[in-house]
PDB file of N, CA and C in Angstrom:
ATOM      1  N   MET A   1     123.052  26.747 107.027  1.00  0.00           N
ATOM      2  CA  MET A   1     122.844  25.769 108.066  1.00  0.00           C
ATOM      3  C   MET A   1     123.897  25.934 109.136  1.00  0.00           C
ATOM      4  N   ASP A   2     123.524  25.478 110.309  1.00  0.00           N
ATOM      5  CA  ASP A   2     124.430  25.436 111.448  1.00  0.00           C
ATOM      6  C   ASP A   2     125.090  24.062 111.479  1.00  0.00           C
ATOM      7  N   TYR A   3     126.231  23.971 112.130  1.00  0.00           N
ATOM      8  CA  TYR A   3     126.922  22.690 112.255  1.00  0.00           C
ATOM      9  C   TYR A   3     126.462  21.939 113.507  1.00  0.00           C
ATOM     10  N   GLY A   4     126.923  22.384 114.680  1.00  0.00           N
ATOM     11  CA  GLY A   4     126.617  21.690 115.927  1.00  0.00           C
ATOM     12  C   GLY A   4     125.142  21.746 116.263  1.00  0.00           C
ATOM     13  N   GLY A   5     124.536  20.573 116.475  1.00  0.00           N
ATOM     14  CA  GLY A   5     123.127  20.517 116.823  1.00  0.00           C
ATOM     15  C   GLY A   5     122.212  20.418 115.619  1.00  0.00           C
ATOM     16  N   VAL A   6     122.737  20.646 114.421  1.00  0.00           N
ATOM     17  CA  VAL A   6     121.936  20.519 113.200  1.00  0.00           C
ATOM     18  C   VAL A   6     122.568  19.442 112.319  1.00  0.00           C
ATOM     19  N   LEU A   7     123.715  19.744 111.738  1.00  0.00           N
ATOM     20  CA  LEU A   7     124.365  18.764 110.870  1.00  0.00           C
ATOM     21  C   LEU A   7     124.892  17.568 111.644  1.00  0.00           C
ATOM     22  N   THR A   8     125.032  17.711 112.936  1.00  0.00           N
ATOM     23  CA  THR A   8     125.481  16.596 113.777  1.00  0.00           C
ATOM     24  C   THR A   8     124.317  15.710 114.209  1.00  0.00           C
ATOM     25  N   ASP A   9     123.131  15.957 113.650  1.00  0.00           N
ATOM     26  CA  ASP A   9     121.917  15.254 114.069  1.00  0.00           C
ATOM     27  C   ASP A   9     121.497  14.160 113.081  1.00  0.00           C
ATOM     28  N   GLY A  10     122.464  13.512 112.460  1.00  0.00           N
ATOM     29  CA  GLY A  10     122.153  12.339 111.653  1.00  0.00           C
ATOM     30  C   GLY A  10     122.330  12.503 110.166  1.00  0.00           C
ATOM     31  N   VAL A  11     122.223  11.377 109.493  1.00  0.00           N
ATOM     32  CA  VAL A  11     122.466  11.296 108.057  1.00  0.00           C
ATOM     33  C   VAL A  11     121.493  12.158 107.256  1.00  0.00           C
ATOM     34  N   ALA A  12     120.232  12.182 107.650  1.00  0.00           N
ATOM     35  CA  ALA A  12     119.242  12.973 106.902  1.00  0.00           C
ATOM     36  C   ALA A  12     119.622  14.448 106.873  1.00  0.00           C
ATOM     37  N   MET A  13     120.192  14.939 107.963  1.00  0.00           N
ATOM     38  CA  MET A  13     120.590  16.348 108.004  1.00  0.00           C
ATOM     39  C   MET A  13     121.821  16.590 107.136  1.00  0.00           C
ATOM     40  N   LEU A  14     122.760  15.658 107.134  1.00  0.00           N
ATOM     41  CA  LEU A  14     123.933  15.799 106.274  1.00  0.00           C
ATOM     42  C   LEU A  14     123.560  15.687 104.800  1.00  0.00           C
ATOM     43  N   ASP A  15     122.510  14.958 104.511  1.00  0.00           N
ATOM     44  CA  ASP A  15     122.078  14.796 103.130  1.00  0.00           C
ATOM     45  C   ASP A  15     121.359  16.042 102.605  1.00  0.00           C
ATOM     46  N   LEU A  16     120.803  16.842 103.492  1.00  0.00           N
ATOM     47  CA  LEU A  16     120.028  18.013 103.076  1.00  0.00           C
ATOM     48  C   LEU A  16     120.842  19.010 102.242  1.00  0.00           C
ATOM     49  N   PRO A  17     122.044  19.410 102.652  1.00  0.00           N
ATOM     50  CA  PRO A  17     122.801  20.322 101.785  1.00  0.00           C
ATOM     51  C   PRO A  17     123.193  19.676 100.452  1.00  0.00           C
ATOM     52  N   ARG A  18     123.454  18.377 100.442  1.00  0.00           N
ATOM     53  CA  ARG A  18     123.743  17.683  99.177  1.00  0.00           C
ATOM     54  C   ARG A  18     122.554  17.799  98.229  1.00  0.00           C
ATOM     55  N   ARG A  19     121.373  17.566  98.762  1.00  0.00           N
ATOM     56  CA  ARG A  19     120.148  17.629  97.962  1.00  0.00           C
ATOM     57  C   ARG A  19     119.889  19.045  97.465  1.00  0.00           C
ATOM     58  N   ALA A  20     120.135  20.024  98.325  1.00  0.00           N
ATOM     59  CA  ALA A  20     119.934  21.425  97.929  1.00  0.00           C
ATOM     60  C   ALA A  20     120.873  21.789  96.784  1.00  0.00           C
ATOM     61  N   ARG A  21     122.130  21.408  96.900  1.00  0.00           N
ATOM     62  CA  ARG A  21     123.088  21.709  95.829  1.00  0.00           C
ATOM     63  C   ARG A  21     122.715  20.993  94.538  1.00  0.00           C
ATOM     64  N   ALA A  22     122.272  19.748  94.649  1.00  0.00           N
ATOM     65  CA  ALA A  22     121.873  18.992  93.457  1.00  0.00           C
ATOM     66  C   ALA A  22     120.699  19.660  92.751  1.00  0.00           C
ATOM     67  N   ALA A  23     119.876  20.376  93.526  1.00  0.00           N
ATOM     68  CA  ALA A  23     118.728  21.092  92.962  1.00  0.00           C
ATOM     69  C   ALA A  23     119.110  22.495  92.492  1.00  0.00           C
ATOM     70  N   GLY A  24     120.401  22.819  92.551  1.00  0.00           N
ATOM     71  CA  GLY A  24     120.868  24.113  92.078  1.00  0.00           C
ATOM     72  C   GLY A  24     120.779  25.236  93.086  1.00  0.00           C
ATOM     73  N   ARG A  25     120.571  24.901  94.350  1.00  0.00           N
ATOM     74  CA  ARG A  25     120.490  25.916  95.400  1.00  0.00           C
ATOM     75  C   ARG A  25     121.882  26.111  96.013  1.00  0.00           C
ATOM     76  N   PRO A  26     122.371  27.343  96.093  1.00  0.00           N
ATOM     77  CA  PRO A  26     123.649  27.575  96.765  1.00  0.00           C
ATOM     78  C   PRO A  26     123.506  27.312  98.262  1.00  0.00           C
ATOM     79  N   THR A  27     124.579  26.843  98.869  1.00  0.00           N
ATOM     80  CA  THR A  27     124.520  26.471 100.283  1.00  0.00           C
ATOM     81  C   THR A  27     125.634  27.151 101.074  1.00  0.00           C
ATOM     82  N   ALA A  28     125.337  27.415 102.339  1.00  0.00           N
ATOM     83  CA  ALA A  28     126.330  28.005 103.231  1.00  0.00           C
ATOM     84  C   ALA A  28     126.228  27.368 104.599  1.00  0.00           C
ATOM     85  N   LEU A  29     127.366  27.182 105.216  1.00  0.00           N
ATOM     86  CA  LEU A  29     127.454  26.735 106.601  1.00  0.00           C
ATOM     87  C   LEU A  29     127.860  27.948 107.419  1.00  0.00           C
ATOM     88  N   VAL A  30     127.057  28.293 108.415  1.00  0.00           N
ATOM     89  CA  VAL A  30     127.356  29.407 109.307  1.00  0.00           C
ATOM     90  C   VAL A  30     127.447  28.828 110.710  1.00  0.00           C
ATOM     91  N   SER A  31     128.641  28.901 111.283  1.00  0.00           N
ATOM     92  CA  SER A  31     128.864  28.296 112.588  1.00  0.00           C
ATOM     93  C   SER A  31     129.798  29.166 113.411  1.00  0.00           C
ATOM     94  N   ASP A  32     129.583  29.168 114.712  1.00  0.00           N
ATOM     95  CA  ASP A  32     130.506  29.875 115.603  1.00  0.00           C
ATOM     96  C   ASP A  32     131.767  29.056 115.847  1.00  0.00           C
ATOM     97  N   ALA A  33     131.809  27.836 115.343  1.00  0.00           N
ATOM     98  CA  ALA A  33     132.993  26.989 115.477  1.00  0.00           C
ATOM     99  C   ALA A  33     134.143  27.585 114.665  1.00  0.00           C
ATOM    100  N   ASP A  34     135.360  27.259 115.073  1.00  0.00           N
ATOM    101  CA  ASP A  34     136.532  27.716 114.335  1.00  0.00           C
ATOM    102  C   ASP A  34     136.869  26.787 113.170  1.00  0.00           C
ATOM    103  N   SER A  35     136.356  25.561 113.224  1.00  0.00           N
ATOM    104  CA  SER A  35     136.595  24.612 112.145  1.00  0.00           C
ATOM    105  C   SER A  35     135.496  23.556 112.153  1.00  0.00           C
ATOM    106  N   VAL A  36     135.355  22.878 111.026  1.00  0.00           N
ATOM    107  CA  VAL A  36     134.429  21.754 110.885  1.00  0.00           C
ATOM    108  C   VAL A  36     135.161  20.674 110.107  1.00  0.00           C
ATOM    109  N   PRO A  37     134.709  19.424 110.215  1.00  0.00           N
ATOM    110  CA  PRO A  37     135.364  18.368 109.452  1.00  0.00           C
ATOM    111  C   PRO A  37     135.332  18.655 107.949  1.00  0.00           C
ATOM    112  N   GLY A  38     136.391  18.275 107.266  1.00  0.00           N
ATOM    113  CA  GLY A  38     136.488  18.522 105.830  1.00  0.00           C
ATOM    114  C   GLY A  38     135.326  17.953 105.041  1.00  0.00           C
ATOM    115  N   ALA A  39     134.855  16.772 105.436  1.00  0.00           N
ATOM    116  CA  ALA A  39     133.729  16.154 104.720  1.00  0.00           C
ATOM    117  C   ALA A  39     132.467  16.999 104.843  1.00  0.00           C
ATOM    118  N   VAL A  40     132.317  17.698 105.947  1.00  0.00           N
ATOM    119  CA  VAL A  40     131.167  18.589 106.134  1.00  0.00           C
ATOM    120  C   VAL A  40     131.376  19.862 105.320  1.00  0.00           C
ATOM    121  N   ALA A  41     132.567  20.416 105.378  1.00  0.00           N
ATOM    122  CA  ALA A  41     132.864  21.645 104.638  1.00  0.00           C
ATOM    123  C   ALA A  41     132.608  21.467 103.143  1.00  0.00           C
ATOM    124  N   GLU A  42     132.893  20.285 102.613  1.00  0.00           N
ATOM    125  CA  GLU A  42     132.711  20.021 101.191  1.00  0.00           C
ATOM    126  C   GLU A  42     131.253  20.056 100.743  1.00  0.00           C
ATOM    127  N   LEU A  43     130.319  19.993 101.682  1.00  0.00           N
ATOM    128  CA  LEU A  43     128.895  20.009 101.353  1.00  0.00           C
ATOM    129  C   LEU A  43     128.396  21.410 100.995  1.00  0.00           C
ATOM    130  N   PHE A  44     129.214  22.429 101.228  1.00  0.00           N
ATOM    131  CA  PHE A  44     128.757  23.812 101.135  1.00  0.00           C
ATOM    132  C   PHE A  44     129.569  24.632 100.140  1.00  0.00           C
ATOM    133  N   ASP A  45     128.888  25.594  99.533  1.00  0.00           N
ATOM    134  CA  ASP A  45     129.543  26.527  98.625  1.00  0.00           C
ATOM    135  C   ASP A  45     130.313  27.590  99.393  1.00  0.00           C
ATOM    136  N   VAL A  46     129.791  27.978 100.563  1.00  0.00           N
ATOM    137  CA  VAL A  46     130.378  29.037 101.380  1.00  0.00           C
ATOM    138  C   VAL A  46     130.457  28.557 102.823  1.00  0.00           C
ATOM    139  N   LEU A  47     131.612  28.803 103.459  1.00  0.00           N
ATOM    140  CA  LEU A  47     131.782  28.522 104.889  1.00  0.00           C
ATOM    141  C   LEU A  47     131.987  29.838 105.616  1.00  0.00           C
ATOM    142  N   VAL A  48     131.199  30.057 106.652  1.00  0.00           N
ATOM    143  CA  VAL A  48     131.350  31.239 107.503  1.00  0.00           C
ATOM    144  C   VAL A  48     131.536  30.718 108.920  1.00  0.00           C
ATOM    145  N   LEU A  49     132.789  30.712 109.364  1.00  0.00           N
ATOM    146  CA  LEU A  49     133.127  30.170 110.671  1.00  0.00           C
ATOM    147  C   LEU A  49     133.608  31.288 111.584  1.00  0.00           C
ATOM    148  N   GLY A  50     133.155  31.236 112.841  1.00  0.00           N
ATOM    149  CA  GLY A  50     133.573  32.239 113.817  1.00  0.00           C
ATOM    150  C   GLY A  50     133.264  33.646 113.354  1.00  0.00           C
ATOM    151  N   PHE A  51     134.284  34.500 113.375  1.00  0.00           N
ATOM    152  CA  PHE A  51     134.126  35.906 112.988  1.00  0.00           C
ATOM    153  C   PHE A  51     134.559  36.154 111.539  1.00  0.00           C
ATOM    154  N   ALA A  52     134.465  35.155 110.681  1.00  0.00           N
ATOM    155  CA  ALA A  52     134.971  35.255 109.305  1.00  0.00           C
ATOM    156  C   ALA A  52     134.425  36.450 108.537  1.00  0.00           C
ATOM    157  N   VAL A  53     133.196  36.868 108.814  1.00  0.00           N
ATOM    158  CA  VAL A  53     132.614  38.012 108.093  1.00  0.00           C
ATOM    159  C   VAL A  53     132.475  39.228 109.002  1.00  0.00           C
ATOM    160  N   GLY A  54     133.127  39.194 110.157  1.00  0.00           N
ATOM    161  CA  GLY A  54     133.100  40.335 111.059  1.00  0.00           C
ATOM    162  C   GLY A  54     131.899  40.383 111.982  1.00  0.00           C
ATOM    163  N   ALA A  55     131.104  39.341 111.986  1.00  0.00           N
ATOM    164  CA  ALA A  55     129.934  39.256 112.866  1.00  0.00           C
ATOM    165  C   ALA A  55     129.713  37.785 113.215  1.00  0.00           C
ATOM    166  N   ARG A  56     129.042  37.557 114.326  1.00  0.00           N
ATOM    167  CA  ARG A  56     128.725  36.197 114.763  1.00  0.00           C
ATOM    168  C   ARG A  56     127.239  36.083 115.018  1.00  0.00           C
ATOM    169  N   LYS A  57     126.760  34.849 114.931  1.00  0.00           N
ATOM    170  CA  LYS A  57     125.352  34.598 115.271  1.00  0.00           C
ATOM    171  C   LYS A  57     125.102  35.013 116.713  1.00  0.00           C
ATOM    172  N   PRO A  58     123.995  35.592 117.035  1.00  0.00           N
ATOM    173  CA  PRO A  58     122.791  35.800 116.245  1.00  0.00           C
ATOM    174  C   PRO A  58     122.708  37.158 115.541  1.00  0.00           C
ATOM    175  N   ASP A  59     123.808  37.874 115.439  1.00  0.00           N
ATOM    176  CA  ASP A  59     123.815  39.186 114.786  1.00  0.00           C
ATOM    177  C   ASP A  59     123.269  39.064 113.357  1.00  0.00           C
ATOM    178  N   PRO A  60     122.229  39.815 113.010  1.00  0.00           N
ATOM    179  CA  PRO A  60     121.671  39.737 111.657  1.00  0.00           C
ATOM    180  C   PRO A  60     122.697  39.988 110.554  1.00  0.00           C
ATOM    181  N   ASP A  61     123.756  40.736 110.861  1.00  0.00           N
ATOM    182  CA  ASP A  61     124.766  41.013 109.843  1.00  0.00           C
ATOM    183  C   ASP A  61     125.458  39.753 109.334  1.00  0.00           C
ATOM    184  N   VAL A  62     125.623  38.746 110.179  1.00  0.00           N
ATOM    185  CA  VAL A  62     126.264  37.518 109.703  1.00  0.00           C
ATOM    186  C   VAL A  62     125.416  36.873 108.609  1.00  0.00           C
ATOM    187  N   TYR A  63     124.107  36.942 108.741  1.00  0.00           N
ATOM    188  CA  TYR A  63     123.222  36.357 107.732  1.00  0.00           C
ATOM    189  C   TYR A  63     123.177  37.221 106.479  1.00  0.00           C
ATOM    190  N   ARG A  64     123.187  38.527 106.636  1.00  0.00           N
ATOM    191  CA  ARG A  64     123.209  39.425 105.474  1.00  0.00           C
ATOM    192  C   ARG A  64     124.495  39.230 104.669  1.00  0.00           C
ATOM    193  N   ARG A  65     125.617  39.161 105.371  1.00  0.00           N
ATOM    194  CA  ARG A  65     126.909  39.014 104.697  1.00  0.00           C
ATOM    195  C   ARG A  65     127.048  37.644 104.048  1.00  0.00           C
ATOM    196  N   THR A  66     126.502  36.633 104.679  1.00  0.00           N
ATOM    197  CA  THR A  66     126.543  35.294 104.083  1.00  0.00           C
ATOM    198  C   THR A  66     125.691  35.252 102.822  1.00  0.00           C
ATOM    199  N   ALA A  67     124.525  35.870 102.865  1.00  0.00           N
ATOM    200  CA  ALA A  67     123.680  35.939 101.662  1.00  0.00           C
ATOM    201  C   ALA A  67     124.442  36.621 100.530  1.00  0.00           C
ATOM    202  N   GLU A  68     125.133  37.684 100.849  1.00  0.00           N
ATOM    203  CA  GLU A  68     125.914  38.397  99.840  1.00  0.00           C
ATOM    204  C   GLU A  68     126.992  37.487  99.240  1.00  0.00           C
ATOM    205  N   LEU A  69     127.664  36.708 100.080  1.00  0.00           N
ATOM    206  CA  LEU A  69     128.678  35.775  99.584  1.00  0.00           C
ATOM    207  C   LEU A  69     128.075  34.733  98.639  1.00  0.00           C
ATOM    208  N   LEU A  70     126.816  34.398  98.877  1.00  0.00           N
ATOM    209  CA  LEU A  70     126.114  33.439  98.019  1.00  0.00           C
ATOM    210  C   LEU A  70     125.549  34.092  96.761  1.00  0.00           C
ATOM    211  N   GLY A  71     125.598  35.435  96.711  1.00  0.00           N
ATOM    212  CA  GLY A  71     125.017  36.150  95.582  1.00  0.00           C
ATOM    213  C   GLY A  71     123.506  36.253  95.674  1.00  0.00           C
ATOM    214  N   LEU A  72     122.994  36.210  96.902  1.00  0.00           N
ATOM    215  CA  LEU A  72     121.552  36.235  97.144  1.00  0.00           C
ATOM    216  C   LEU A  72     121.171  37.395  98.044  1.00  0.00           C
ATOM    217  N   GLU A  73     119.896  37.701  98.060  1.00  0.00           N
ATOM    218  CA  GLU A  73     119.343  38.607  99.061  1.00  0.00           C
ATOM    219  C   GLU A  73     118.959  37.755 100.264  1.00  0.00           C
ATOM    220  N   PRO A  74     119.010  38.303 101.478  1.00  0.00           N
ATOM    221  CA  PRO A  74     118.610  37.518 102.647  1.00  0.00           C
ATOM    222  C   PRO A  74     117.215  36.911 102.514  1.00  0.00           C
ATOM    223  N   GLU A  75     116.314  37.634 101.857  1.00  0.00           N
ATOM    224  CA  GLU A  75     114.941  37.155 101.696  1.00  0.00           C
ATOM    225  C   GLU A  75     114.860  35.871 100.874  1.00  0.00           C
ATOM    226  N   ASP A  76     115.937  35.575 100.133  1.00  0.00           N
ATOM    227  CA  ASP A  76     115.984  34.371  99.302  1.00  0.00           C
ATOM    228  C   ASP A  76     116.689  33.209 100.006  1.00  0.00           C
ATOM    229  N   CYS A  77     116.979  33.389 101.296  1.00  0.00           N
ATOM    230  CA  CYS A  77     117.731  32.380 102.050  1.00  0.00           C
ATOM    231  C   CYS A  77     116.870  31.705 103.108  1.00  0.00           C
ATOM    232  N   VAL A  78     117.152  30.437 103.326  1.00  0.00           N
ATOM    233  CA  VAL A  78     116.543  29.660 104.409  1.00  0.00           C
ATOM    234  C   VAL A  78     117.665  29.316 105.377  1.00  0.00           C
ATOM    235  N   VAL A  79     117.501  29.694 106.627  1.00  0.00           N
ATOM    236  CA  VAL A  79     118.500  29.437 107.657  1.00  0.00           C
ATOM    237  C   VAL A  79     117.961  28.380 108.608  1.00  0.00           C
ATOM    238  N   VAL A  80     118.761  27.342 108.838  1.00  0.00           N
ATOM    239  CA  VAL A  80     118.389  26.268 109.761  1.00  0.00           C
ATOM    240  C   VAL A  80     119.354  26.295 110.935  1.00  0.00           C
ATOM    241  N   ASP A  81     118.803  26.433 112.134  1.00  0.00           N
ATOM    242  CA  ASP A  81     119.617  26.450 113.354  1.00  0.00           C
ATOM    243  C   ASP A  81     118.821  25.816 114.476  1.00  0.00           C
ATOM    244  N   ASP A  82     119.529  25.273 115.455  1.00  0.00           N
ATOM    245  CA  ASP A  82     118.859  24.636 116.591  1.00  0.00           C
ATOM    246  C   ASP A  82     118.652  25.585 117.764  1.00  0.00           C
ATOM    247  N   LEU A  83     119.103  26.822 117.645  1.00  0.00           N
ATOM    248  CA  LEU A  83     118.928  27.799 118.717  1.00  0.00           C
ATOM    249  C   LEU A  83     117.977  28.905 118.264  1.00  0.00           C
ATOM    250  N   ALA A  84     116.942  29.135 119.049  1.00  0.00           N
ATOM    251  CA  ALA A  84     115.917  30.125 118.700  1.00  0.00           C
ATOM    252  C   ALA A  84     116.514  31.518 118.500  1.00  0.00           C
ATOM    253  N   ARG A  85     117.490  31.895 119.314  1.00  0.00           N
ATOM    254  CA  ARG A  85     118.070  33.242 119.180  1.00  0.00           C
ATOM    255  C   ARG A  85     118.747  33.413 117.813  1.00  0.00           C
ATOM    256  N   ASN A  86     119.324  32.347 117.283  1.00  0.00           N
ATOM    257  CA  ASN A  86     119.963  32.440 115.968  1.00  0.00           C
ATOM    258  C   ASN A  86     118.921  32.507 114.851  1.00  0.00           C
ATOM    259  N   VAL A  87     117.830  31.789 115.019  1.00  0.00           N
ATOM    260  CA  VAL A  87     116.742  31.865 114.043  1.00  0.00           C
ATOM    261  C   VAL A  87     116.149  33.271 114.055  1.00  0.00           C
ATOM    262  N   ARG A  88     115.993  33.854 115.244  1.00  0.00           N
ATOM    263  CA  ARG A  88     115.499  35.228 115.331  1.00  0.00           C
ATOM    264  C   ARG A  88     116.446  36.200 114.624  1.00  0.00           C
ATOM    265  N   GLY A  89     117.752  36.001 114.787  1.00  0.00           N
ATOM    266  CA  GLY A  89     118.732  36.844 114.101  1.00  0.00           C
ATOM    267  C   GLY A  89     118.614  36.732 112.591  1.00  0.00           C
ATOM    268  N   ALA A  90     118.417  35.508 112.105  1.00  0.00           N
ATOM    269  CA  ALA A  90     118.249  35.289 110.669  1.00  0.00           C
ATOM    270  C   ALA A  90     116.995  35.990 110.168  1.00  0.00           C
ATOM    271  N   ARG A  91     115.923  35.862 110.925  1.00  0.00           N
ATOM    272  CA  ARG A  91     114.668  36.507 110.529  1.00  0.00           C
ATOM    273  C   ARG A  91     114.807  38.028 110.559  1.00  0.00           C
ATOM    274  N   ALA A  92     115.548  38.566 111.530  1.00  0.00           N
ATOM    275  CA  ALA A  92     115.773  40.008 111.592  1.00  0.00           C
ATOM    276  C   ALA A  92     116.543  40.497 110.364  1.00  0.00           C
ATOM    277  N   ALA A  93     117.356  39.616 109.788  1.00  0.00           N
ATOM    278  CA  ALA A  93     118.099  39.962 108.574  1.00  0.00           C
ATOM    279  C   ALA A  93     117.220  39.871 107.334  1.00  0.00           C
ATOM    280  N   GLY A  94     116.040  39.257 107.474  1.00  0.00           N
ATOM    281  CA  GLY A  94     115.132  39.117 106.352  1.00  0.00           C
ATOM    282  C   GLY A  94     115.038  37.707 105.803  1.00  0.00           C
ATOM    283  N   ALA A  95     115.838  36.784 106.353  1.00  0.00           N
ATOM    284  CA  ALA A  95     115.828  35.399 105.879  1.00  0.00           C
ATOM    285  C   ALA A  95     114.653  34.633 106.483  1.00  0.00           C
ATOM    286  N   ILE A  96     114.365  33.490 105.890  1.00  0.00           N
ATOM    287  CA  ILE A  96     113.391  32.564 106.454  1.00  0.00           C
ATOM    288  C   ILE A  96     114.141  31.696 107.445  1.00  0.00           C
ATOM    289  N   GLY A  97     113.652  31.601 108.656  1.00  0.00           N
ATOM    290  CA  GLY A  97     114.317  30.817 109.686  1.00  0.00           C
ATOM    291  C   GLY A  97     113.558  29.550 110.011  1.00  0.00           C
ATOM    292  N   VAL A  98     114.298  28.448 110.104  1.00  0.00           N
ATOM    293  CA  VAL A  98     113.736  27.165 110.494  1.00  0.00           C
ATOM    294  C   VAL A  98     114.436  26.730 111.771  1.00  0.00           C
ATOM    295  N   LEU A  99     113.654  26.574 112.833  1.00  0.00           N
ATOM    296  CA  LEU A  99     114.209  26.111 114.103  1.00  0.00           C
ATOM    297  C   LEU A  99     114.270  24.592 114.074  1.00  0.00           C
ATOM    298  N   HIS A 100     115.480  24.050 114.089  1.00  0.00           N
ATOM    299  CA  HIS A 100     115.685  22.601 114.035  1.00  0.00           C
ATOM    300  C   HIS A 100     115.417  21.987 115.399  1.00  0.00           C
ATOM    301  N   ASP A 101     114.482  21.030 115.389  1.00  0.00           N
ATOM    302  CA  ASP A 101     114.167  20.281 116.599  1.00  0.00           C
ATOM    303  C   ASP A 101     114.412  18.802 116.368  1.00  0.00           C
ATOM    304  N   ASP A 102     113.926  18.309 115.234  1.00  0.00           N
ATOM    305  CA  ASP A 102     114.173  16.907 114.893  1.00  0.00           C
ATOM    306  C   ASP A 102     114.359  16.808 113.377  1.00  0.00           C
ATOM    307  N   PRO A 103     115.155  15.853 112.920  1.00  0.00           N
ATOM    308  CA  PRO A 103     115.472  15.761 111.500  1.00  0.00           C
ATOM    309  C   PRO A 103     114.256  15.632 110.583  1.00  0.00           C
ATOM    310  N   ASP A 104     113.285  14.813 110.943  1.00  0.00           N
ATOM    311  CA  ASP A 104     112.134  14.610 110.062  1.00  0.00           C
ATOM    312  C   ASP A 104     111.396  15.913 109.784  1.00  0.00           C
ATOM    313  N   THR A 105     111.143  16.689 110.821  1.00  0.00           N
ATOM    314  CA  THR A 105     110.423  17.949 110.665  1.00  0.00           C
ATOM    315  C   THR A 105     111.248  18.960 109.887  1.00  0.00           C
ATOM    316  N   THR A 106     112.517  19.079 110.232  1.00  0.00           N
ATOM    317  CA  THR A 106     113.375  20.045 109.542  1.00  0.00           C
ATOM    318  C   THR A 106     113.510  19.706 108.066  1.00  0.00           C
ATOM    319  N   VAL A 107     113.755  18.449 107.755  1.00  0.00           N
ATOM    320  CA  VAL A 107     113.892  18.042 106.361  1.00  0.00           C
ATOM    321  C   VAL A 107     112.608  18.352 105.591  1.00  0.00           C
ATOM    322  N   ALA A 108     111.465  18.023 106.174  1.00  0.00           N
ATOM    323  CA  ALA A 108     110.184  18.287 105.504  1.00  0.00           C
ATOM    324  C   ALA A 108     109.994  19.788 105.249  1.00  0.00           C
ATOM    325  N   GLU A 109     110.326  20.625 106.228  1.00  0.00           N
ATOM    326  CA  GLU A 109     110.174  22.076 106.054  1.00  0.00           C
ATOM    327  C   GLU A 109     111.094  22.609 104.966  1.00  0.00           C
ATOM    328  N   VAL A 110     112.350  22.179 104.998  1.00  0.00           N
ATOM    329  CA  VAL A 110     113.314  22.674 104.019  1.00  0.00           C
ATOM    330  C   VAL A 110     112.973  22.166 102.618  1.00  0.00           C
ATOM    331  N   GLU A 111     112.503  20.935 102.517  1.00  0.00           N
ATOM    332  CA  GLU A 111     112.069  20.425 101.213  1.00  0.00           C
ATOM    333  C   GLU A 111     111.005  21.324 100.600  1.00  0.00           C
ATOM    334  N   ILE A 112     110.057  21.742 101.409  1.00  0.00           N
ATOM    335  CA  ILE A 112     108.995  22.613 100.916  1.00  0.00           C
ATOM    336  C   ILE A 112     109.536  23.995 100.570  1.00  0.00           C
ATOM    337  N   LEU A 113     110.308  24.575 101.465  1.00  0.00           N
ATOM    338  CA  LEU A 113     110.808  25.936 101.250  1.00  0.00           C
ATOM    339  C   LEU A 113     111.737  26.054 100.048  1.00  0.00           C
ATOM    340  N   LEU A 114     112.535  25.016  99.798  1.00  0.00           N
ATOM    341  CA  LEU A 114     113.463  25.051  98.671  1.00  0.00           C
ATOM    342  C   LEU A 114     112.949  24.294  97.442  1.00  0.00           C
ATOM    343  N   ALA A 115     111.725  23.790  97.546  1.00  0.00           N
ATOM    344  CA  ALA A 115     111.133  23.010  96.453  1.00  0.00           C
ATOM    345  C   ALA A 115     112.043  21.875  96.012  1.00  0.00           C
ATOM    346  N   LEU A 116     112.557  21.130  96.990  1.00  0.00           N
ATOM    347  CA  LEU A 116     113.447  20.010  96.695  1.00  0.00           C
ATOM    348  C   LEU A 116     112.636  18.786  96.300  1.00  0.00           C
ATOM    349  N   PRO A 117     113.129  18.038  95.332  1.00  0.00           N
ATOM    350  CA  PRO A 117     112.445  16.790  95.000  1.00  0.00           C
ATOM    351  C   PRO A 117     112.507  15.815  96.174  1.00  0.00           C
ATOM    352  N   ALA A 118     111.442  15.078  96.352  1.00  0.00           N
ATOM    353  CA  ALA A 118     111.389  14.113  97.476  1.00  0.00           C
ATOM    354  C   ALA A 118     112.249  12.897  97.189  1.00  0.00           C
TER     355      ALA A 118
END
């Protein structure tokens, strides 16, 4: 997930990584920011901030390297971002991309993709 424009879009979005982890899904925050609030960082198994993995969004390598940190293949990852170019980068890496527009739609899509309990 992205931070700015996604996790900053209300309680439902902040609850999504909690729900994913509770369902046994590993989570990662990928942001071009240099830092995020500690309470947000705690929601994720992996934090990739700025150039931490040697690439930045929308470069597909940032998504490939993040998947590796999670112990997953990119094809097993769902990436949520509010910028189309970043979703395209995720898809180029092989991940499933969800373009965040509004919390209700994004939550519904991610629930289906990750088979999260309602």
